[in-house]
Amino acid sequence: MIMDYSFWFHTGHLSLISHFALTPPQYPKMTEASYIIVGVTAVISCLAIFWAKFRNQGSGTRPFLAEDKVVLVTGGLSGLGREIAELYRVQGAKVAILDIKDEASLPWVPNTMASKYYKCDVSDGSEVEATLKKIGVALGNPDILINCAAMPINRLPFCELQSESFARTIRTNLLGPVNLTRAVLPLLMQSTKRGSIVNISSVVAHLYPAGLSDYVSSKAALSALHHCLEAEARWFGYDKQVDFFLVEVGQMDTPLFSWIKPPNSLLAPVLEPRYVAEKVFAAVSSGGGRIIRLPKYAAWVCGYDMLPVPVQRFARYVMGVDEALENYK
């Protein structure tokens, strides 16, 4: 029997636990019992952080054959989306690639019996539904949905960012995954095969860099959406039918991030999209649902808000979080 410790070590408790562990006592004298309470609370805090880091490692027990999968990848013509789509295609899966680019302007457009491109504005719910019907006829209903489409980063201070630009980012980065998930999830719940939904978010959802207010807001909301979907799956009992994955990744060597001055390369290295794609493929293959944070420092970003403000600011300075936009004029 496998016991579920998620209640005791749920990430929602981390702030409260760490507050008691790290806040100095407000009384002139601490009794022996007080020292014991603080010590026990500190231990529980460490265990909670450990659980938050390792709790979603997947069971690794379900068989996975790419050949019998239909994979839908949004934003699949460039960057991470393209790497993921190509990896699944090479492994024998049927791949449906959604993007907003015109087919005639693309040097590489996959249109074969097992791989097809569909021009689709993911922020338009009716267009998503129409495209999904085409995919169902040509390839079959999706078994795996990977929400990877993202708007180019505006890299502007909040007061210089037009409302429409902000809204466009939200529509693509958040409403797009909402539309796709709303259309695909019922199909996965009815399928005889176990399905997966992967949302590509970002570590900036926890770090809030200056000059990225629209992008950060969209990714933070997407991360929150993942947790809500996962909770609903458990509550309504389809968590054994559909796996939910959240990928919170740092800076990658893709066109989306090409203009950014890399932060501290030792603590926050720039990742190759192929490397991230392989991690996503391996996680989905093993099943169970989980959170994937890359590179290594990203595994601890969930604890950023629990740090005292001076420590937060020092960490931002060391990692160059807010200086990443220095070279933009």
Foldseek 3Di string as FASTA:
>chain_A
DDDDCCVLLPLVCLLVLLCLLPPDDPDPDDDPVSVVVNVVSVVSNVVSLVCLLPVQQFDLPDADQLQPFEEEFEPCQFFLNVLLQVVSVVSNHQYEYEYQDDPVPHPDADDDLRYHYDYAQLLDLVRLLVVQVVCCVRPRAGQEYELDDFDQQPQAAPVPDDPVNLVSRLSRLASSLVSNCVNRVVVLLPDPAAGEYEREAALCCLQVAGRRVSNNVNRVVSVVVLVVVCVVCVVVVNCVRYAYEYEHEYAEPTPSCVLWDAWDCVLHNHHYSNVVSVVVVVSVSSDDYDYHYDDPVSSNSSCLVSDDPVVNVVVCVNRVRHVRSVPPD
